[in-house]
Amino acid sequence: MDFLSYSFHGGTDLEPALNNAIDLMESDKYANADLVVISDFIAPQQPVVLQARVETLKARHNRFHAINLSKYGNPELMAMFSHCWEYCPSLLNRIVKRF
């Protein structure tokens, strides 16, 4: 919990990590694998080529999960994921989101 509350004041460049993960997921060894990305998702939408690779893998039953650590995450970026969860460390935030 403490680690997830830290701020590293850096930019989010998901493209290299996603490309590497997708390369692995396209192999037979990782057929039907899931990918979990934990980020603040304060980043631009990914290139069309990368999005197409994700959609191809989704059609092959791979799943892409996003755990969003920020209320400022880019919805266009998170739309490429199969499932998105919001991390809400405070009780008040969890209650507000629920109701």
Protein backbone atom coordinates (compact mmCIF):
# COMPACT_ATOMS: atom_id res chain seq x y z
CA MET A 1 0.00 0.00 0.00
CA ASP A 2 2.81 2.43 0.84
CA PHE A 3 4.60 1.76 -2.46
CA LEU A 4 1.43 2.42 -4.49
CA SER A 5 0.99 5.77 -2.78
CA TYR A 6 4.45 7.04 -3.85
CA SER A 7 4.89 9.50 -6.67
CA PHE A 8 7.92 9.08 -8.92
CA HIS A 9 7.26 12.24 -10.97
CA GLY A 10 8.14 10.53 -14.22
CA GLY A 11 6.43 10.20 -17.55
CA THR A 12 4.59 7.06 -18.53
CA ASP A 13 5.89 5.44 -21.71
CA LEU A 14 3.92 2.22 -22.04
CA GLU A 15 4.81 1.47 -25.67
CA PRO A 16 8.15 -0.37 -25.12
CA ALA A 17 6.75 -2.48 -22.28
CA LEU A 18 3.55 -3.29 -24.19
CA ASN A 19 5.47 -4.20 -27.35
CA ASN A 20 7.74 -6.54 -25.38
CA ALA A 21 4.80 -8.18 -23.62
CA ILE A 22 2.90 -8.55 -26.91
CA ASP A 23 5.95 -10.16 -28.54
CA LEU A 24 5.89 -12.79 -25.79
CA MET A 25 2.12 -13.23 -25.96
CA GLU A 26 2.29 -13.89 -29.71
CA SER A 27 4.41 -16.99 -29.05
CA ASP A 28 2.90 -20.41 -28.39
CA LYS A 29 4.35 -20.41 -24.87
CA TYR A 30 2.06 -17.54 -23.84
CA ALA A 31 -1.09 -18.46 -25.76
CA ASN A 32 -4.12 -17.34 -23.74
CA ALA A 33 -1.91 -15.40 -21.30
CA ASP A 34 -3.16 -12.36 -19.43
CA LEU A 35 -1.27 -9.07 -19.15
CA VAL A 36 -1.68 -6.77 -16.14
CA VAL A 37 -0.50 -3.15 -16.42
CA ILE A 38 -0.30 -1.08 -13.24
CA SER A 39 0.02 2.61 -14.06
CA ASP A 40 -1.43 6.05 -13.58
CA PHE A 41 -2.29 5.93 -17.32
CA ILE A 42 -1.43 9.59 -17.68
CA ALA A 43 -0.07 8.90 -21.13
CA PRO A 44 -1.10 9.29 -24.75
CA GLN A 45 -3.18 6.78 -26.63
CA GLN A 46 -0.96 4.04 -28.08
CA PRO A 47 -0.08 3.83 -31.80
CA VAL A 48 -2.64 2.22 -34.11
CA VAL A 49 -0.23 -0.64 -34.95
CA LEU A 50 0.12 -1.54 -31.26
CA GLN A 51 -3.65 -1.32 -30.74
CA ALA A 52 -4.18 -3.66 -33.70
CA ARG A 53 -1.76 -6.19 -32.17
CA VAL A 54 -3.71 -6.04 -28.91
CA GLU A 55 -7.02 -6.61 -30.72
CA THR A 56 -5.54 -9.60 -32.59
CA LEU A 57 -4.43 -11.13 -29.30
CA LYS A 58 -7.82 -10.46 -27.70
CA ALA A 59 -9.40 -12.42 -30.57
CA ARG A 60 -7.07 -15.28 -29.63
CA HIS A 61 -8.36 -15.18 -26.02
CA ASN A 62 -5.56 -13.19 -24.45
CA ARG A 63 -6.76 -10.61 -21.95
CA PHE A 64 -5.36 -7.21 -21.06
CA HIS A 65 -6.00 -5.83 -17.57
CA ALA A 66 -5.38 -2.27 -16.35
CA ILE A 67 -5.05 -1.18 -12.75
CA ASN A 68 -5.37 2.59 -12.74
CA LEU A 69 -3.63 4.41 -9.88
CA SER A 70 -4.88 7.88 -10.81
CA LYS A 71 -8.16 9.65 -11.32
CA TYR A 72 -6.50 11.42 -14.28
CA GLY A 73 -5.88 8.32 -16.41
CA ASN A 74 -6.45 8.71 -20.16
CA PRO A 75 -9.77 6.98 -20.99
CA GLU A 76 -8.74 6.55 -24.64
CA LEU A 77 -5.63 4.68 -23.53
CA MET A 78 -7.50 2.49 -21.04
CA ALA A 79 -10.13 1.62 -23.68
CA MET A 80 -7.69 -0.83 -25.28
CA PHE A 81 -7.75 -3.02 -22.15
CA SER A 82 -10.21 -5.87 -21.59
CA HIS A 83 -10.78 -4.91 -17.94
CA CYS A 84 -9.95 -1.76 -15.98
CA TRP A 85 -9.85 -1.38 -12.23
CA GLU A 86 -9.37 1.79 -10.23
CA TYR A 87 -7.09 1.70 -7.21
CA CYS A 88 -8.69 3.73 -4.40
CA PRO A 89 -6.55 3.66 -1.26
CA SER A 90 -8.87 5.72 0.92
CA LEU A 91 -12.17 4.55 2.32
CA LEU A 92 -13.84 7.82 1.27
CA ASN A 93 -12.78 7.35 -2.38
CA ARG A 94 -14.11 3.77 -2.39
CA ILE A 95 -17.46 4.88 -0.97
CA VAL A 96 -17.80 7.77 -3.44
CA LYS A 97 -17.00 5.49 -6.40
CA ARG A 98 -19.46 2.88 -5.23
CA PHE A 99 -22.39 5.25 -4.80
